[in-house]
Amino acid sequence: MKQESSRSPSYTVECEDFVHVVEFNPFDSGIAESLIAYGGNNYVVIGRCSFQEEDAEVDGIQYNKLRTFHHGIRVDAIAWSPETRLDALPPLLRFCTAAADRKLRLFTSDLQAKNEYKMMDGHSNYINDLVFAPKGGQEIASVSDDHTCRIWDLEGNVRACFVLRSPGMSVGWHPEDAFKLMVAEKNGTIRFYDLVTHQAILSLTTGQAPLMSAHWCLKNTFRVGAVAGNDWLIWDISRSSYPLDKRPVHADRAKLFRWSMVNENLFATTGFPGKMNSQLLIHHLGHPQPILIGSGAVGSGLTWHRTLSICAMGGDHRIFFWVTEM
């Protein structure tokens, strides 16, 4: 694998709003295509897409918009519910957003007449991340600049609240163990909580701040990754609470870290949007240099396809997709 020069996106989809956040559905929704959600200044748009990498009849990318949901305010984060099924009768589409007004909105739709949303109010500052419980999807965890991590039921009741020592930047739920939650704080601390005892069971630290993003590797749950300052950091929590590896990558501070859904050695990071372009870097743990450098105009958001080595980032009325050859 050689070091790449900057590469334009493999595919681009035109969007009807500035894309602040983009998320592939990480769960199986019962259809061959992938579901993708993006959030803009006023809307959440749900689409379905397939790629030539999985379907020989597709030329590049095939994208169809399923539904636009009026949001009325900037979308800061989106989480998919594992309850989303498009092969059910009627179909069920469920996702939750965090918005600039410090509220969560839980959307439920059958893609026909039923389109509902429920507001969840409780955070007193910006919400940076949220996630559904992967088993059953009956709870949502969110982290905020108000120094709390909250666990909500789908009625909007707060079932638990963890007080943090700095803003909560990222939250992750263990894919198999429903009672383990990862919370990453801006001060560089990553804690794992037991949701039965409400106690922290393990703590990691980047040793540098600000930590902007952390992600639990779903392919290998001993692995945790984060970006703090200009660096990415990787831990293997089965071996040590000290980082396994760390590297400086973004001269302009790193912003987001996301593991691939299909390869435990593959991950992506983004830098803060520059004046012109945002840099997306794709890294392989066994390789000293990034294996792909992508550039997109004012990018935001970062997400990996559920079954392919395809990574996406949002931008100005566009979603950019990069295919990683592994």
C-alpha atoms as a PDB file:
ATOM      1  CA  MET A   1       0.000   0.000   0.000  1.00  0.00           C
ATOM      2  CA  LYS A   2       1.543   3.223  -1.102  1.00  0.00           C
ATOM      3  CA  GLN A   3       1.054   6.704   0.261  1.00  0.00           C
ATOM      4  CA  GLU A   4      -1.698   8.451  -1.676  1.00  0.00           C
ATOM      5  CA  SER A   5      -1.872  12.008  -2.868  1.00  0.00           C
ATOM      6  CA  SER A   6      -5.133  13.899  -2.291  1.00  0.00           C
ATOM      7  CA  ARG A   7      -8.026  12.205  -4.012  1.00  0.00           C
ATOM      8  CA  SER A   8     -11.369  13.600  -5.105  1.00  0.00           C
ATOM      9  CA  PRO A   9     -14.458  11.613  -4.014  1.00  0.00           C
ATOM     10  CA  SER A  10     -15.327   8.342  -5.762  1.00  0.00           C
ATOM     11  CA  TYR A  11     -19.002   9.381  -5.831  1.00  0.00           C
ATOM     12  CA  THR A  12     -21.026  12.501  -5.051  1.00  0.00           C
ATOM     13  CA  VAL A  13     -24.732  12.914  -4.280  1.00  0.00           C
ATOM     14  CA  GLU A  14     -26.452  16.311  -4.627  1.00  0.00           C
ATOM     15  CA  CYS A  15     -28.465  17.367  -1.548  1.00  0.00           C
ATOM     16  CA  GLU A  16     -31.167  19.942  -0.905  1.00  0.00           C
ATOM     17  CA  ASP A  17     -29.511  21.526   2.131  1.00  0.00           C
ATOM     18  CA  PHE A  18     -26.063  22.124   3.578  1.00  0.00           C
ATOM     19  CA  VAL A  19     -25.012  18.788   5.107  1.00  0.00           C
ATOM     20  CA  HIS A  20     -23.918  19.207   8.741  1.00  0.00           C
ATOM     21  CA  VAL A  21     -24.034  15.524   9.594  1.00  0.00           C
ATOM     22  CA  VAL A  22     -24.357  12.274   7.647  1.00  0.00           C
ATOM     23  CA  GLU A  23     -24.938   8.744   8.975  1.00  0.00           C
ATOM     24  CA  PHE A  24     -25.211   5.381   7.256  1.00  0.00           C
ATOM     25  CA  ASN A  25     -27.613   3.100   9.120  1.00  0.00           C
ATOM     26  CA  PRO A  26     -25.254   0.741  11.045  1.00  0.00           C
ATOM     27  CA  PHE A  27     -28.038  -1.854  11.489  1.00  0.00           C
ATOM     28  CA  ASP A  28     -29.611  -4.287   9.051  1.00  0.00           C
ATOM     29  CA  SER A  29     -32.878  -2.742   7.863  1.00  0.00           C
ATOM     30  CA  GLY A  30     -34.008  -5.777   5.871  1.00  0.00           C
ATOM     31  CA  ILE A  31     -33.340  -4.404   2.380  1.00  0.00           C
ATOM     32  CA  ALA A  32     -30.429  -4.868  -0.019  1.00  0.00           C
ATOM     33  CA  GLU A  33     -29.633  -1.151  -0.258  1.00  0.00           C
ATOM     34  CA  SER A  34     -28.142   0.962   2.526  1.00  0.00           C
ATOM     35  CA  LEU A  35     -30.066   3.633   4.340  1.00  0.00           C
ATOM     36  CA  ILE A  36     -28.357   6.974   4.780  1.00  0.00           C
ATOM     37  CA  ALA A  37     -29.515  10.041   6.720  1.00  0.00           C
ATOM     38  CA  TYR A  38     -28.238  13.570   6.462  1.00  0.00           C
ATOM     39  CA  GLY A  39     -29.065  16.641   8.492  1.00  0.00           C
ATOM     40  CA  GLY A  40     -28.962  20.233   7.312  1.00  0.00           C
ATOM     41  CA  ASN A  41     -30.069  23.656   8.512  1.00  0.00           C
ATOM     42  CA  ASN A  42     -33.791  22.817   8.362  1.00  0.00           C
ATOM     43  CA  TYR A  43     -34.254  19.233   7.240  1.00  0.00           C
ATOM     44  CA  VAL A  44     -33.386  15.602   7.816  1.00  0.00           C
ATOM     45  CA  VAL A  45     -33.354  13.605   4.592  1.00  0.00           C
ATOM     46  CA  ILE A  46     -33.476   9.808   4.495  1.00  0.00           C
ATOM     47  CA  GLY A  47     -32.255   8.074   1.350  1.00  0.00           C
ATOM     48  CA  ARG A  48     -31.408   4.601   0.157  1.00  0.00           C
ATOM     49  CA  CYS A  49     -28.284   3.918  -1.857  1.00  0.00           C
ATOM     50  CA  SER A  50     -26.428   1.073  -3.514  1.00  0.00           C
ATOM     51  CA  PHE A  51     -22.956   0.965  -5.034  1.00  0.00           C
ATOM     52  CA  GLN A  52     -21.327  -0.831  -7.944  1.00  0.00           C
ATOM     53  CA  GLU A  53     -19.016  -2.496  -5.394  1.00  0.00           C
ATOM     54  CA  GLU A  54     -22.011  -4.585  -4.228  1.00  0.00           C
ATOM     55  CA  ASP A  55     -24.319  -4.628  -7.278  1.00  0.00           C
ATOM     56  CA  ALA A  56     -22.927  -5.093 -10.789  1.00  0.00           C
ATOM     57  CA  GLU A  57     -26.031  -3.474 -12.305  1.00  0.00           C
ATOM     58  CA  VAL A  58     -25.320  -0.174 -10.574  1.00  0.00           C
ATOM     59  CA  ASP A  59     -23.142   2.363 -12.384  1.00  0.00           C
ATOM     60  CA  GLY A  60     -21.154   3.981  -9.583  1.00  0.00           C
ATOM     61  CA  ILE A  61     -23.838   4.921  -7.063  1.00  0.00           C
ATOM     62  CA  GLN A  62     -27.618   4.714  -7.158  1.00  0.00           C
ATOM     63  CA  TYR A  63     -29.311   7.066  -4.697  1.00  0.00           C
ATOM     64  CA  ASN A  64     -33.033   7.551  -4.086  1.00  0.00           C
ATOM     65  CA  LYS A  65     -34.540   9.940  -1.583  1.00  0.00           C
ATOM     66  CA  LEU A  66     -37.126   8.208   0.622  1.00  0.00           C
ATOM     67  CA  ARG A  67     -38.435  11.056   2.758  1.00  0.00           C
ATOM     68  CA  THR A  68     -37.628  14.608   3.858  1.00  0.00           C
ATOM     69  CA  PHE A  69     -38.471  15.509   7.457  1.00  0.00           C
ATOM     70  CA  HIS A  70     -38.889  19.176   8.317  1.00  0.00           C
ATOM     71  CA  HIS A  71     -36.674  19.870  11.320  1.00  0.00           C
ATOM     72  CA  GLY A  72     -36.897  23.672  11.526  1.00  0.00           C
ATOM     73  CA  ILE A  73     -33.479  24.069  13.150  1.00  0.00           C
ATOM     74  CA  ARG A  74     -29.888  23.015  12.482  1.00  0.00           C
ATOM     75  CA  VAL A  75     -29.231  19.297  12.932  1.00  0.00           C
ATOM     76  CA  ASP A  76     -26.091  18.606  15.016  1.00  0.00           C
ATOM     77  CA  ALA A  77     -26.200  14.801  15.260  1.00  0.00           C
ATOM     78  CA  ILE A  78     -28.267  11.841  14.031  1.00  0.00           C
ATOM     79  CA  ALA A  79     -28.564   8.323  15.447  1.00  0.00           C
ATOM     80  CA  TRP A  80     -30.342   5.378  13.790  1.00  0.00           C
ATOM     81  CA  SER A  81     -32.579   3.028  15.742  1.00  0.00           C
ATOM     82  CA  PRO A  82     -32.046  -0.732  15.293  1.00  0.00           C
ATOM     83  CA  GLU A  83     -35.863  -0.959  15.106  1.00  0.00           C
ATOM     84  CA  THR A  84     -35.787   0.549  11.594  1.00  0.00           C
ATOM     85  CA  ARG A  85     -37.097  -2.138   9.196  1.00  0.00           C
ATOM     86  CA  LEU A  86     -38.104  -1.506   5.608  1.00  0.00           C
ATOM     87  CA  ASP A  87     -39.058  -5.146   5.003  1.00  0.00           C
ATOM     88  CA  ALA A  88     -41.843  -4.994   7.624  1.00  0.00           C
ATOM     89  CA  LEU A  89     -45.508  -4.223   6.942  1.00  0.00           C
ATOM     90  CA  PRO A  90     -45.935  -1.393   7.518  1.00  0.00           C
ATOM     91  CA  PRO A  91     -42.278  -0.324   7.295  1.00  0.00           C
ATOM     92  CA  LEU A  92     -40.778   1.349  10.365  1.00  0.00           C
ATOM     93  CA  LEU A  93     -38.287   4.192  10.135  1.00  0.00           C
ATOM     94  CA  ARG A  94     -36.932   5.483  13.448  1.00  0.00           C
ATOM     95  CA  PHE A  95     -34.061   7.835  14.202  1.00  0.00           C
ATOM     96  CA  CYS A  96     -33.193  10.548  16.696  1.00  0.00           C
ATOM     97  CA  THR A  97     -31.573  13.947  16.183  1.00  0.00           C
ATOM     98  CA  ALA A  98     -29.759  16.423  18.400  1.00  0.00           C
ATOM     99  CA  ALA A  99     -30.380  20.037  17.470  1.00  0.00           C
ATOM    100  CA  ALA A 100     -28.989  23.489  18.096  1.00  0.00           C
ATOM    101  CA  ASP A 101     -31.819  24.193  20.605  1.00  0.00           C
ATOM    102  CA  ARG A 102     -30.351  21.547  23.009  1.00  0.00           C
ATOM    103  CA  LYS A 103     -33.236  19.136  22.445  1.00  0.00           C
ATOM    104  CA  LEU A 104     -33.450  15.599  21.104  1.00  0.00           C
ATOM    105  CA  ARG A 105     -36.149  14.740  18.564  1.00  0.00           C
ATOM    106  CA  LEU A 106     -37.235  11.134  18.117  1.00  0.00           C
ATOM    107  CA  PHE A 107     -38.742  10.596  14.644  1.00  0.00           C
ATOM    108  CA  THR A 108     -40.978   7.623  13.797  1.00  0.00           C
ATOM    109  CA  SER A 109     -42.451   7.094  10.334  1.00  0.00           C
ATOM    110  CA  ASP A 110     -44.092   4.357   8.249  1.00  0.00           C
ATOM    111  CA  LEU A 111     -43.058   6.326   5.097  1.00  0.00           C
ATOM    112  CA  GLN A 112     -46.747   6.937   4.407  1.00  0.00           C
ATOM    113  CA  ALA A 113     -49.243   8.845   6.546  1.00  0.00           C
ATOM    114  CA  LYS A 114     -47.629   8.299   9.952  1.00  0.00           C
ATOM    115  CA  ASN A 115     -44.841  10.776  10.614  1.00  0.00           C
ATOM    116  CA  GLU A 116     -44.364  11.614  14.284  1.00  0.00           C
ATOM    117  CA  TYR A 117     -41.694  13.160  16.387  1.00  0.00           C
ATOM    118  CA  LYS A 118     -41.207  13.514  20.115  1.00  0.00           C
ATOM    119  CA  MET A 119     -39.112  16.237  21.768  1.00  0.00           C
ATOM    120  CA  MET A 120     -36.797  15.281  24.624  1.00  0.00           C
ATOM    121  CA  ASP A 121     -35.810  18.200  26.793  1.00  0.00           C
ATOM    122  CA  GLY A 122     -33.244  18.139  29.599  1.00  0.00           C
ATOM    123  CA  HIS A 123     -29.766  19.115  28.415  1.00  0.00           C
ATOM    124  CA  SER A 124     -28.801  22.695  29.269  1.00  0.00           C
ATOM    125  CA  ASN A 125     -26.113  23.070  26.596  1.00  0.00           C
ATOM    126  CA  TYR A 126     -25.192  21.736  23.144  1.00  0.00           C
ATOM    127  CA  ILE A 127     -25.573  18.003  22.549  1.00  0.00           C
ATOM    128  CA  ASN A 128     -22.493  16.587  20.824  1.00  0.00           C
ATOM    129  CA  ASP A 129     -23.404  12.938  20.243  1.00  0.00           C
ATOM    130  CA  LEU A 130     -26.155  10.376  20.746  1.00  0.00           C
ATOM    131  CA  VAL A 131     -26.666   6.640  20.224  1.00  0.00           C
ATOM    132  CA  PHE A 132     -29.461   4.066  20.495  1.00  0.00           C
ATOM    133  CA  ALA A 133     -29.091   0.928  22.580  1.00  0.00           C
ATOM    134  CA  PRO A 134     -28.164  -1.585  19.845  1.00  0.00           C
ATOM    135  CA  LYS A 135     -30.187  -4.393  21.445  1.00  0.00           C
ATOM    136  CA  GLY A 136     -33.841  -3.466  20.930  1.00  0.00           C
ATOM    137  CA  GLY A 137     -33.322   0.287  20.613  1.00  0.00           C
ATOM    138  CA  GLN A 138     -35.473   1.132  23.651  1.00  0.00           C
ATOM    139  CA  GLU A 139     -33.010   3.630  25.131  1.00  0.00           C
ATOM    140  CA  ILE A 140     -30.943   6.545  23.834  1.00  0.00           C
ATOM    141  CA  ALA A 141     -27.715   7.885  25.348  1.00  0.00           C
ATOM    142  CA  SER A 142     -26.622  11.486  24.736  1.00  0.00           C
ATOM    143  CA  VAL A 143     -23.637  13.612  25.792  1.00  0.00           C
ATOM    144  CA  SER A 144     -23.492  17.376  26.042  1.00  0.00           C
ATOM    145  CA  ASP A 145     -21.433  20.465  26.768  1.00  0.00           C
ATOM    146  CA  ASP A 146     -23.456  20.611  30.021  1.00  0.00           C
ATOM    147  CA  HIS A 147     -21.045  17.984  31.502  1.00  0.00           C
ATOM    148  CA  THR A 148     -23.629  15.178  31.539  1.00  0.00           C
ATOM    149  CA  CYS A 149     -24.348  11.889  29.811  1.00  0.00           C
ATOM    150  CA  ARG A 150     -28.076  11.082  29.910  1.00  0.00           C
ATOM    151  CA  ILE A 151     -29.903   7.820  29.223  1.00  0.00           C
ATOM    152  CA  TRP A 152     -33.467   8.337  27.928  1.00  0.00           C
ATOM    153  CA  ASP A 153     -36.340   5.980  27.286  1.00  0.00           C
ATOM    154  CA  LEU A 154     -38.379   6.486  24.114  1.00  0.00           C
ATOM    155  CA  GLU A 155     -41.018   8.437  26.052  1.00  0.00           C
ATOM    156  CA  GLY A 156     -38.414  11.110  26.821  1.00  0.00           C
ATOM    157  CA  ASN A 157     -37.855  10.188  30.482  1.00  0.00           C
ATOM    158  CA  VAL A 158     -34.274  10.399  31.796  1.00  0.00           C
ATOM    159  CA  ARG A 159     -33.455   6.937  33.175  1.00  0.00           C
ATOM    160  CA  ALA A 160     -29.894   7.758  34.274  1.00  0.00           C
ATOM    161  CA  CYS A 161     -27.590  10.769  34.336  1.00  0.00           C
ATOM    162  CA  PHE A 162     -23.806  10.613  34.670  1.00  0.00           C
ATOM    163  CA  VAL A 163     -22.048  13.798  35.758  1.00  0.00           C
ATOM    164  CA  LEU A 164     -18.863  14.397  33.760  1.00  0.00           C
ATOM    165  CA  ARG A 165     -15.831  16.565  34.552  1.00  0.00           C
ATOM    166  CA  SER A 166     -15.846  18.332  31.176  1.00  0.00           C
ATOM    167  CA  PRO A 167     -18.053  18.479  28.045  1.00  0.00           C
ATOM    168  CA  GLY A 168     -19.163  15.079  26.740  1.00  0.00           C
ATOM    169  CA  MET A 169     -18.006  14.710  23.117  1.00  0.00           C
ATOM    170  CA  SER A 170     -18.787  11.093  22.124  1.00  0.00           C
ATOM    171  CA  VAL A 171     -20.888   8.215  23.382  1.00  0.00           C
ATOM    172  CA  GLY A 172     -20.872   4.556  22.306  1.00  0.00           C
ATOM    173  CA  TRP A 173     -22.878   1.497  23.298  1.00  0.00           C
ATOM    174  CA  HIS A 174     -21.349  -1.990  23.390  1.00  0.00           C
ATOM    175  CA  PRO A 175     -22.885  -4.015  20.504  1.00  0.00           C
ATOM    176  CA  GLU A 176     -23.402  -7.182  22.600  1.00  0.00           C
ATOM    177  CA  ASP A 177     -23.326  -6.112  26.231  1.00  0.00           C
ATOM    178  CA  ALA A 178     -26.330  -3.828  26.701  1.00  0.00           C
ATOM    179  CA  PHE A 179     -25.003  -2.610  30.058  1.00  0.00           C
ATOM    180  CA  LYS A 180     -21.683  -1.134  28.908  1.00  0.00           C
ATOM    181  CA  LEU A 181     -21.402   2.455  27.715  1.00  0.00           C
ATOM    182  CA  MET A 182     -18.363   4.465  26.562  1.00  0.00           C
ATOM    183  CA  VAL A 183     -18.286   8.213  27.251  1.00  0.00           C
ATOM    184  CA  ALA A 184     -15.497  10.458  25.948  1.00  0.00           C
ATOM    185  CA  GLU A 185     -14.869  13.879  27.486  1.00  0.00           C
ATOM    186  CA  LYS A 186     -13.211  16.960  26.034  1.00  0.00           C
ATOM    187  CA  ASN A 187     -10.537  16.907  28.761  1.00  0.00           C
ATOM    188  CA  GLY A 188      -9.139  13.694  27.240  1.00  0.00           C
ATOM    189  CA  THR A 189     -10.792  11.133  29.534  1.00  0.00           C
ATOM    190  CA  ILE A 190     -12.670   8.140  28.108  1.00  0.00           C
ATOM    191  CA  ARG A 191     -14.706   6.205  30.677  1.00  0.00           C
ATOM    192  CA  PHE A 192     -16.644   2.964  30.422  1.00  0.00           C
ATOM    193  CA  TYR A 193     -19.745   2.759  32.598  1.00  0.00           C
ATOM    194  CA  ASP A 194     -21.678  -0.219  33.911  1.00  0.00           C
ATOM    195  CA  LEU A 195     -25.340   0.699  33.419  1.00  0.00           C
ATOM    196  CA  VAL A 196     -26.471  -1.683  36.181  1.00  0.00           C
ATOM    197  CA  THR A 197     -24.314  -0.258  38.972  1.00  0.00           C
ATOM    198  CA  HIS A 198     -23.899   3.188  37.346  1.00  0.00           C
ATOM    199  CA  GLN A 199     -20.185   2.967  38.157  1.00  0.00           C
ATOM    200  CA  ALA A 200     -17.206   3.674  35.910  1.00  0.00           C
ATOM    201  CA  ILE A 201     -15.403   0.362  35.310  1.00  0.00           C
ATOM    202  CA  LEU A 202     -12.456   1.535  33.191  1.00  0.00           C
ATOM    203  CA  SER A 203     -10.847   4.845  32.320  1.00  0.00           C
ATOM    204  CA  LEU A 204      -8.453   5.842  29.519  1.00  0.00           C
ATOM    205  CA  THR A 205      -6.775   9.171  28.905  1.00  0.00           C
ATOM    206  CA  THR A 206      -5.346  10.817  25.813  1.00  0.00           C
ATOM    207  CA  GLY A 207      -2.930  12.857  27.917  1.00  0.00           C
ATOM    208  CA  GLN A 208      -3.785  15.834  25.717  1.00  0.00           C
ATOM    209  CA  ALA A 209      -6.769  18.044  25.027  1.00  0.00           C
ATOM    210  CA  PRO A 210      -9.102  18.858  23.480  1.00  0.00           C
ATOM    211  CA  LEU A 211     -10.451  15.394  22.746  1.00  0.00           C
ATOM    212  CA  MET A 212     -12.967  16.041  19.953  1.00  0.00           C
ATOM    213  CA  SER A 213     -14.180  12.552  19.069  1.00  0.00           C
ATOM    214  CA  ALA A 214     -13.847   8.920  20.170  1.00  0.00           C
ATOM    215  CA  HIS A 215     -15.266   5.713  18.714  1.00  0.00           C
ATOM    216  CA  TRP A 216     -15.643   2.135  19.923  1.00  0.00           C
ATOM    217  CA  CYS A 217     -14.632  -0.402  17.269  1.00  0.00           C
ATOM    218  CA  LEU A 218     -17.664  -2.646  16.700  1.00  0.00           C
ATOM    219  CA  LYS A 219     -15.593  -5.280  14.872  1.00  0.00           C
ATOM    220  CA  ASN A 220     -13.256  -5.635  17.863  1.00  0.00           C
ATOM    221  CA  THR A 221     -14.638  -4.118  21.055  1.00  0.00           C
ATOM    222  CA  PHE A 222     -11.223  -4.203  22.759  1.00  0.00           C
ATOM    223  CA  ARG A 223     -10.262  -1.368  20.407  1.00  0.00           C
ATOM    224  CA  VAL A 224     -11.051   2.278  21.033  1.00  0.00           C
ATOM    225  CA  GLY A 225      -9.914   5.207  18.898  1.00  0.00           C
ATOM    226  CA  ALA A 226      -9.950   8.961  19.396  1.00  0.00           C
ATOM    227  CA  VAL A 227      -8.655  12.239  18.081  1.00  0.00           C
ATOM    228  CA  ALA A 228      -7.229  14.850  20.458  1.00  0.00           C
ATOM    229  CA  GLY A 229      -5.274  17.933  19.457  1.00  0.00           C
ATOM    230  CA  ASN A 230      -3.595  17.038  16.152  1.00  0.00           C
ATOM    231  CA  ASP A 231      -3.294  13.306  16.902  1.00  0.00           C
ATOM    232  CA  TRP A 232      -5.200  10.086  16.528  1.00  0.00           C
ATOM    233  CA  LEU A 233      -4.833   7.553  19.348  1.00  0.00           C
ATOM    234  CA  ILE A 234      -5.726   3.836  19.512  1.00  0.00           C
ATOM    235  CA  TRP A 235      -6.142   1.665  22.621  1.00  0.00           C
ATOM    236  CA  ASP A 236      -6.403  -2.081  23.033  1.00  0.00           C
ATOM    237  CA  ILE A 237      -8.216  -2.216  26.372  1.00  0.00           C
ATOM    238  CA  SER A 238      -7.569  -5.968  26.763  1.00  0.00           C
ATOM    239  CA  ARG A 239      -3.859  -5.155  27.042  1.00  0.00           C
ATOM    240  CA  SER A 240      -3.374  -1.724  28.568  1.00  0.00           C
ATOM    241  CA  SER A 241      -5.024   1.543  29.473  1.00  0.00           C
ATOM    242  CA  TYR A 242      -2.137   3.300  27.690  1.00  0.00           C
ATOM    243  CA  PRO A 243      -2.472   3.986  23.947  1.00  0.00           C
ATOM    244  CA  LEU A 244      -1.297   1.197  21.654  1.00  0.00           C
ATOM    245  CA  ASP A 245      -0.393   3.777  18.994  1.00  0.00           C
ATOM    246  CA  LYS A 246      -0.708   7.505  18.347  1.00  0.00           C
ATOM    247  CA  ARG A 247       0.242   9.777  15.458  1.00  0.00           C
ATOM    248  CA  PRO A 248      -0.074  13.456  14.582  1.00  0.00           C
ATOM    249  CA  VAL A 249      -2.211  13.713  11.447  1.00  0.00           C
ATOM    250  CA  HIS A 250      -4.060  16.999  11.061  1.00  0.00           C
ATOM    251  CA  ALA A 251      -2.095  20.238  11.182  1.00  0.00           C
ATOM    252  CA  ASP A 252      -5.360  22.143  11.758  1.00  0.00           C
ATOM    253  CA  ARG A 253      -6.549  19.964  14.703  1.00  0.00           C
ATOM    254  CA  ALA A 254      -8.395  16.721  14.234  1.00  0.00           C
ATOM    255  CA  LYS A 255     -12.180  16.711  14.483  1.00  0.00           C
ATOM    256  CA  LEU A 256     -13.731  13.246  13.989  1.00  0.00           C
ATOM    257  CA  PHE A 257     -12.655   9.601  14.363  1.00  0.00           C
ATOM    258  CA  ARG A 258     -14.617   6.654  12.935  1.00  0.00           C
ATOM    259  CA  TRP A 259     -13.737   2.961  12.707  1.00  0.00           C
ATOM    260  CA  SER A 260     -14.677   1.017   9.602  1.00  0.00           C
ATOM    261  CA  MET A 261     -17.646  -1.325  10.130  1.00  0.00           C
ATOM    262  CA  VAL A 262     -15.945  -4.154   8.204  1.00  0.00           C
ATOM    263  CA  ASN A 263     -12.235  -4.006   9.063  1.00  0.00           C
ATOM    264  CA  GLU A 264     -10.887  -3.611  12.598  1.00  0.00           C
ATOM    265  CA  ASN A 265      -7.630  -2.108  11.280  1.00  0.00           C
ATOM    266  CA  LEU A 266      -9.248   0.581   9.137  1.00  0.00           C
ATOM    267  CA  PHE A 267     -10.365   4.001  10.394  1.00  0.00           C
ATOM    268  CA  ALA A 268     -10.939   7.540   9.179  1.00  0.00           C
ATOM    269  CA  THR A 269     -10.250  10.960  10.665  1.00  0.00           C
ATOM    270  CA  THR A 270     -11.185  14.456   9.569  1.00  0.00           C
ATOM    271  CA  GLY A 271      -9.640  17.836  10.265  1.00  0.00           C
ATOM    272  CA  PHE A 272     -11.507  21.015  11.102  1.00  0.00           C
ATOM    273  CA  PRO A 273     -13.022  22.604   7.992  1.00  0.00           C
ATOM    274  CA  GLY A 274     -10.439  24.909   6.448  1.00  0.00           C
ATOM    275  CA  LYS A 275     -11.176  28.002   4.388  1.00  0.00           C
ATOM    276  CA  MET A 276     -11.533  25.934   1.226  1.00  0.00           C
ATOM    277  CA  ASN A 277     -11.265  22.207   1.777  1.00  0.00           C
ATOM    278  CA  SER A 278     -11.623  19.693   4.574  1.00  0.00           C
ATOM    279  CA  GLN A 279      -9.265  16.828   4.764  1.00  0.00           C
ATOM    280  CA  LEU A 280     -10.407  13.259   5.215  1.00  0.00           C
ATOM    281  CA  LEU A 281      -7.692  10.741   6.046  1.00  0.00           C
ATOM    282  CA  ILE A 282      -8.149   6.976   5.914  1.00  0.00           C
ATOM    283  CA  HIS A 283      -5.637   4.997   7.948  1.00  0.00           C
ATOM    284  CA  HIS A 284      -4.685   1.339   8.250  1.00  0.00           C
ATOM    285  CA  LEU A 285      -3.131   0.293  11.557  1.00  0.00           C
ATOM    286  CA  GLY A 286      -0.327  -1.666   9.895  1.00  0.00           C
ATOM    287  CA  HIS A 287       0.663   1.259   7.672  1.00  0.00           C
ATOM    288  CA  PRO A 288       2.722   4.273   8.803  1.00  0.00           C
ATOM    289  CA  GLN A 289       1.075   6.782   6.435  1.00  0.00           C
ATOM    290  CA  PRO A 290      -2.595   7.428   5.604  1.00  0.00           C
ATOM    291  CA  ILE A 291      -3.656   5.092   2.790  1.00  0.00           C
ATOM    292  CA  LEU A 292      -6.081   7.657   1.372  1.00  0.00           C
ATOM    293  CA  ILE A 293      -6.227  11.429   1.574  1.00  0.00           C
ATOM    294  CA  GLY A 294      -9.585  12.801   0.507  1.00  0.00           C
ATOM    295  CA  SER A 295     -10.497  16.415   0.038  1.00  0.00           C
ATOM    296  CA  GLY A 296     -13.992  17.885  -0.020  1.00  0.00           C
ATOM    297  CA  ALA A 297     -15.254  21.449   0.082  1.00  0.00           C
ATOM    298  CA  VAL A 298     -16.130  22.429   3.682  1.00  0.00           C
ATOM    299  CA  GLY A 299     -16.872  18.922   4.873  1.00  0.00           C
ATOM    300  CA  SER A 300     -18.663  17.879   8.019  1.00  0.00           C
ATOM    301  CA  GLY A 301     -19.793  14.571   9.425  1.00  0.00           C
ATOM    302  CA  LEU A 302     -18.114  11.196   8.872  1.00  0.00           C
ATOM    303  CA  THR A 303     -19.635   7.749   8.458  1.00  0.00           C
ATOM    304  CA  TRP A 304     -18.789   4.243   7.179  1.00  0.00           C
ATOM    305  CA  HIS A 305     -20.966   1.890   5.144  1.00  0.00           C
ATOM    306  CA  ARG A 306     -22.240  -1.140   7.098  1.00  0.00           C
ATOM    307  CA  THR A 307     -20.797  -3.818   4.777  1.00  0.00           C
ATOM    308  CA  LEU A 308     -18.401  -2.045   2.370  1.00  0.00           C
ATOM    309  CA  SER A 309     -15.149  -0.106   2.800  1.00  0.00           C
ATOM    310  CA  ILE A 310     -16.899   3.108   1.750  1.00  0.00           C
ATOM    311  CA  CYS A 311     -16.642   6.243   3.818  1.00  0.00           C
ATOM    312  CA  ALA A 312     -18.827   9.368   3.463  1.00  0.00           C
ATOM    313  CA  MET A 313     -18.574  13.012   4.492  1.00  0.00           C
ATOM    314  CA  GLY A 314     -21.049  15.863   4.083  1.00  0.00           C
ATOM    315  CA  GLY A 315     -20.484  19.240   2.474  1.00  0.00           C
ATOM    316  CA  ASP A 316     -22.219  22.173   0.800  1.00  0.00           C
ATOM    317  CA  HIS A 317     -25.393  20.613  -0.685  1.00  0.00           C
ATOM    318  CA  ARG A 318     -23.452  17.393  -1.306  1.00  0.00           C
ATOM    319  CA  ILE A 319     -22.423  14.081   0.211  1.00  0.00           C
ATOM    320  CA  PHE A 320     -18.984  12.806  -0.814  1.00  0.00           C
ATOM    321  CA  PHE A 321     -18.146   9.081  -0.865  1.00  0.00           C
ATOM    322  CA  TRP A 322     -14.687   7.513  -0.958  1.00  0.00           C
ATOM    323  CA  VAL A 323     -14.079   3.854  -1.794  1.00  0.00           C
ATOM    324  CA  THR A 324     -11.113   2.329   0.056  1.00  0.00           C
ATOM    325  CA  GLU A 325      -9.317  -0.520  -1.713  1.00  0.00           C
ATOM    326  CA  MET A 326      -8.141  -2.902   1.009  1.00  0.00           C
END
